[in-house]
Amino acid sequence: MAAYLIAEVEITDAKAYEEYRKIVPATIAQYGGRYLVRGGAVETKEGGWTPSRVVVLEFSSMEQARKWYHSPEYAPALAIRTRAGNSKMILVEGV
């Protein structure tokens, strides 16, 4: 079953985040993931949720998503992302 990583990202260091954006796509692709949403306009409809940036990734399975997130290939990018902003993130299975 497919798995989706859904993240709300607040960028606090645009220069560092740009570095992250350059290196992370190759790590996602290496683990069979792909972007479904990468930023873009957000329109709040319910609940008062007003994220400034949303990212949605799709992986073939929850296991594959976990492998990517904990991989040595993603580790350097993760370190940059945590310095460059604040995130809320979940993994969810779905179709």
N, C-alpha and C. Protein backbone atom coordinates (compact mmCIF):
# COMPACT_ATOMS: atom_id res chain seq x y z
N MET A 1 0.84 -1.17 0.00
CA MET A 1 0.00 0.00 0.00
C MET A 1 0.89 1.24 0.00
N ALA A 2 0.53 2.23 -0.78
CA ALA A 2 1.31 3.46 -0.86
C ALA A 2 1.35 4.16 0.49
N ALA A 3 2.38 4.96 0.68
CA ALA A 3 2.52 5.77 1.89
C ALA A 3 2.86 7.19 1.48
N TYR A 4 2.38 8.12 2.27
CA TYR A 4 2.56 9.54 1.98
C TYR A 4 3.21 10.24 3.16
N LEU A 5 4.22 11.03 2.87
CA LEU A 5 4.81 11.90 3.86
C LEU A 5 4.18 13.26 3.65
N ILE A 6 3.59 13.80 4.69
CA ILE A 6 2.96 15.12 4.62
C ILE A 6 3.68 16.01 5.62
N ALA A 7 4.19 17.14 5.14
CA ALA A 7 4.97 18.03 5.99
C ALA A 7 4.49 19.46 5.86
N GLU A 8 4.45 20.11 6.99
CA GLU A 8 4.24 21.56 7.05
C GLU A 8 5.60 22.15 7.39
N VAL A 9 6.08 23.06 6.57
CA VAL A 9 7.44 23.58 6.72
C VAL A 9 7.40 25.10 6.87
N GLU A 10 8.07 25.58 7.91
CA GLU A 10 8.28 27.01 8.10
C GLU A 10 9.77 27.26 7.89
N ILE A 11 10.11 28.00 6.85
CA ILE A 11 11.51 28.26 6.52
C ILE A 11 11.99 29.46 7.33
N THR A 12 13.09 29.28 8.06
CA THR A 12 13.67 30.37 8.84
C THR A 12 15.01 30.83 8.28
N ASP A 13 15.61 30.02 7.42
CA ASP A 13 16.89 30.36 6.79
C ASP A 13 16.78 29.97 5.31
N ALA A 14 16.38 30.93 4.49
CA ALA A 14 16.11 30.66 3.07
C ALA A 14 17.34 30.16 2.33
N LYS A 15 18.50 30.68 2.66
CA LYS A 15 19.73 30.27 1.97
C LYS A 15 20.03 28.79 2.25
N ALA A 16 19.94 28.39 3.50
CA ALA A 16 20.18 27.00 3.85
C ALA A 16 19.11 26.10 3.26
N TYR A 17 17.86 26.55 3.27
CA TYR A 17 16.78 25.73 2.72
C TYR A 17 16.96 25.53 1.22
N GLU A 18 17.49 26.51 0.54
CA GLU A 18 17.76 26.36 -0.90
C GLU A 18 18.79 25.27 -1.14
N GLU A 19 19.77 25.16 -0.27
CA GLU A 19 20.76 24.08 -0.35
C GLU A 19 20.07 22.73 -0.19
N TYR A 20 19.17 22.64 0.79
CA TYR A 20 18.39 21.43 1.02
C TYR A 20 17.60 21.05 -0.24
N ARG A 21 16.92 22.03 -0.82
CA ARG A 21 16.10 21.79 -2.01
C ARG A 21 16.92 21.23 -3.18
N LYS A 22 18.18 21.58 -3.25
CA LYS A 22 19.03 21.10 -4.34
C LYS A 22 19.43 19.65 -4.17
N ILE A 23 19.63 19.20 -2.92
CA ILE A 23 20.17 17.85 -2.72
C ILE A 23 19.12 16.79 -2.40
N VAL A 24 17.96 17.19 -1.89
CA VAL A 24 17.00 16.20 -1.42
C VAL A 24 16.29 15.42 -2.54
N PRO A 25 15.97 16.00 -3.71
CA PRO A 25 15.23 15.23 -4.72
C PRO A 25 15.92 13.92 -5.12
N ALA A 26 17.21 13.92 -5.23
CA ALA A 26 17.92 12.69 -5.63
C ALA A 26 17.76 11.60 -4.57
N THR A 27 17.72 11.99 -3.29
CA THR A 27 17.56 10.98 -2.24
C THR A 27 16.15 10.41 -2.27
N ILE A 28 15.18 11.24 -2.53
CA ILE A 28 13.78 10.78 -2.61
C ILE A 28 13.64 9.79 -3.77
N ALA A 29 14.17 10.17 -4.91
CA ALA A 29 14.09 9.30 -6.10
C ALA A 29 14.81 7.98 -5.88
N GLN A 30 15.93 8.02 -5.17
CA GLN A 30 16.71 6.80 -4.91
C GLN A 30 15.88 5.76 -4.14
N TYR A 31 14.92 6.22 -3.35
CA TYR A 31 14.08 5.32 -2.57
C TYR A 31 12.69 5.16 -3.18
N GLY A 32 12.57 5.55 -4.45
CA GLY A 32 11.33 5.33 -5.17
C GLY A 32 10.23 6.32 -4.86
N GLY A 33 10.57 7.41 -4.19
CA GLY A 33 9.58 8.42 -3.85
C GLY A 33 9.43 9.46 -4.95
N ARG A 34 8.35 10.22 -4.82
CA ARG A 34 8.15 11.32 -5.76
C ARG A 34 7.34 12.42 -5.09
N TYR A 35 7.58 13.64 -5.53
CA TYR A 35 6.83 14.78 -5.03
C TYR A 35 5.44 14.78 -5.63
N LEU A 36 4.44 14.99 -4.80
CA LEU A 36 3.08 15.28 -5.27
C LEU A 36 2.78 16.75 -5.07
N VAL A 37 3.31 17.32 -4.00
CA VAL A 37 3.15 18.75 -3.69
C VAL A 37 4.50 19.23 -3.17
N ARG A 38 4.91 20.38 -3.66
CA ARG A 38 6.17 20.97 -3.18
C ARG A 38 5.97 22.49 -3.13
N GLY A 39 5.45 22.94 -2.00
CA GLY A 39 5.17 24.37 -1.87
C GLY A 39 3.88 24.73 -2.59
N GLY A 40 3.80 25.93 -3.05
CA GLY A 40 2.60 26.38 -3.75
C GLY A 40 1.65 27.11 -2.82
N ALA A 41 0.64 27.71 -3.43
CA ALA A 41 -0.35 28.49 -2.67
C ALA A 41 -1.15 27.58 -1.75
N VAL A 42 -1.46 28.09 -0.56
CA VAL A 42 -2.26 27.37 0.42
C VAL A 42 -3.51 28.19 0.69
N GLU A 43 -4.65 27.54 0.66
CA GLU A 43 -5.93 28.20 0.96
C GLU A 43 -6.60 27.43 2.11
N THR A 44 -6.72 28.05 3.25
CA THR A 44 -7.32 27.41 4.42
C THR A 44 -8.84 27.34 4.24
N LYS A 45 -9.40 26.17 4.50
CA LYS A 45 -10.84 25.97 4.40
C LYS A 45 -11.50 25.71 5.75
N GLU A 46 -10.82 24.96 6.61
CA GLU A 46 -11.39 24.61 7.91
C GLU A 46 -10.30 24.52 8.97
N GLY A 47 -10.68 24.76 10.19
CA GLY A 47 -9.82 24.47 11.33
C GLY A 47 -8.74 25.48 11.65
N GLY A 48 -8.61 26.54 10.88
CA GLY A 48 -7.61 27.55 11.19
C GLY A 48 -6.18 27.15 10.91
N TRP A 49 -5.98 26.08 10.15
CA TRP A 49 -4.63 25.65 9.79
C TRP A 49 -4.11 26.55 8.68
N THR A 50 -3.02 27.25 8.91
CA THR A 50 -2.48 28.18 7.92
C THR A 50 -0.99 27.95 7.69
N PRO A 51 -0.63 26.81 7.15
CA PRO A 51 0.79 26.55 6.90
C PRO A 51 1.32 27.46 5.81
N SER A 52 2.58 27.82 5.94
CA SER A 52 3.20 28.65 4.90
C SER A 52 3.71 27.80 3.73
N ARG A 53 4.04 26.54 4.01
CA ARG A 53 4.56 25.65 2.97
C ARG A 53 4.16 24.23 3.31
N VAL A 54 3.65 23.50 2.30
CA VAL A 54 3.26 22.11 2.48
C VAL A 54 3.99 21.27 1.45
N VAL A 55 4.46 20.10 1.89
CA VAL A 55 5.13 19.16 0.99
C VAL A 55 4.45 17.80 1.17
N VAL A 56 4.15 17.14 0.05
CA VAL A 56 3.59 15.79 0.08
C VAL A 56 4.44 14.92 -0.82
N LEU A 57 4.95 13.81 -0.25
CA LEU A 57 5.73 12.84 -1.00
C LEU A 57 4.96 11.53 -1.04
N GLU A 58 5.12 10.79 -2.12
CA GLU A 58 4.51 9.47 -2.24
C GLU A 58 5.61 8.42 -2.36
N PHE A 59 5.47 7.35 -1.58
CA PHE A 59 6.37 6.20 -1.65
C PHE A 59 5.53 4.95 -1.88
N SER A 60 6.14 3.89 -2.33
CA SER A 60 5.40 2.66 -2.63
C SER A 60 4.86 1.98 -1.37
N SER A 61 5.48 2.25 -0.22
CA SER A 61 5.04 1.63 1.03
C SER A 61 5.53 2.45 2.21
N MET A 62 4.96 2.19 3.36
CA MET A 62 5.40 2.84 4.60
C MET A 62 6.85 2.45 4.88
N GLU A 63 7.18 1.20 4.65
CA GLU A 63 8.55 0.73 4.87
C GLU A 63 9.54 1.50 4.00
N GLN A 64 9.20 1.73 2.75
CA GLN A 64 10.10 2.45 1.86
C GLN A 64 10.24 3.91 2.29
N ALA A 65 9.16 4.52 2.73
CA ALA A 65 9.23 5.90 3.23
C ALA A 65 10.14 5.98 4.45
N ARG A 66 9.98 5.04 5.36
CA ARG A 66 10.85 5.00 6.55
C ARG A 66 12.31 4.80 6.17
N LYS A 67 12.56 3.90 5.22
CA LYS A 67 13.94 3.66 4.78
C LYS A 67 14.56 4.95 4.27
N TRP A 68 13.80 5.70 3.46
CA TRP A 68 14.32 6.98 2.95
C TRP A 68 14.62 7.93 4.09
N TYR A 69 13.64 8.13 4.98
CA TYR A 69 13.79 9.12 6.05
C TYR A 69 15.00 8.81 6.93
N HIS A 70 15.26 7.55 7.19
CA HIS A 70 16.36 7.15 8.07
C HIS A 70 17.63 6.77 7.31
N SER A 71 17.67 7.03 6.02
CA SER A 71 18.80 6.60 5.19
C SER A 71 20.04 7.47 5.38
N PRO A 72 21.21 6.88 5.11
CA PRO A 72 22.43 7.67 5.14
C PRO A 72 22.47 8.71 4.02
N GLU A 73 21.75 8.45 2.94
CA GLU A 73 21.72 9.41 1.83
C GLU A 73 20.95 10.67 2.21
N TYR A 74 19.88 10.51 2.99
CA TYR A 74 19.06 11.66 3.38
C TYR A 74 19.62 12.40 4.60
N ALA A 75 20.44 11.74 5.41
CA ALA A 75 20.93 12.33 6.66
C ALA A 75 21.54 13.73 6.50
N PRO A 76 22.41 13.98 5.52
CA PRO A 76 22.96 15.33 5.38
C PRO A 76 21.88 16.37 5.05
N ALA A 77 20.92 16.00 4.21
CA ALA A 77 19.83 16.91 3.87
C ALA A 77 18.96 17.18 5.10
N LEU A 78 18.68 16.15 5.87
CA LEU A 78 17.88 16.30 7.08
C LEU A 78 18.54 17.28 8.05
N ALA A 79 19.85 17.17 8.20
CA ALA A 79 20.57 18.09 9.08
C ALA A 79 20.42 19.53 8.60
N ILE A 80 20.48 19.75 7.30
CA ILE A 80 20.30 21.09 6.75
C ILE A 80 18.88 21.57 6.99
N ARG A 81 17.89 20.70 6.72
CA ARG A 81 16.49 21.10 6.88
C ARG A 81 16.17 21.49 8.31
N THR A 82 16.68 20.76 9.27
CA THR A 82 16.38 21.08 10.66
C THR A 82 17.04 22.39 11.10
N ARG A 83 18.14 22.77 10.45
CA ARG A 83 18.76 24.07 10.72
C ARG A 83 18.02 25.20 10.01
N ALA A 84 17.41 24.89 8.87
CA ALA A 84 16.84 25.92 8.00
C ALA A 84 15.38 26.24 8.29
N GLY A 85 14.76 25.48 9.19
CA GLY A 85 13.36 25.76 9.46
C GLY A 85 12.77 24.84 10.50
N ASN A 86 11.48 24.95 10.64
CA ASN A 86 10.71 24.12 11.57
C ASN A 86 9.69 23.34 10.77
N SER A 87 9.51 22.07 11.13
CA SER A 87 8.60 21.22 10.37
C SER A 87 7.71 20.42 11.30
N LYS A 88 6.54 20.12 10.80
CA LYS A 88 5.65 19.12 11.37
C LYS A 88 5.46 18.10 10.25
N MET A 89 5.57 16.81 10.59
CA MET A 89 5.60 15.80 9.54
C MET A 89 4.92 14.52 10.01
N ILE A 90 4.18 13.90 9.09
CA ILE A 90 3.58 12.60 9.38
C ILE A 90 3.79 11.68 8.18
N LEU A 91 3.74 10.38 8.44
CA LEU A 91 3.66 9.37 7.40
C LEU A 91 2.28 8.73 7.53
N VAL A 92 1.61 8.53 6.41
CA VAL A 92 0.28 7.93 6.42
C VAL A 92 0.14 6.97 5.25
N GLU A 93 -0.44 5.81 5.52
CA GLU A 93 -0.72 4.87 4.45
C GLU A 93 -2.01 5.27 3.77
N GLY A 94 -2.10 4.98 2.50
CA GLY A 94 -3.32 5.32 1.76
C GLY A 94 -3.30 4.77 0.37
N VAL A 95 -4.34 5.10 -0.36
CA VAL A 95 -4.47 4.65 -1.74
C VAL A 95 -4.61 5.85 -2.64
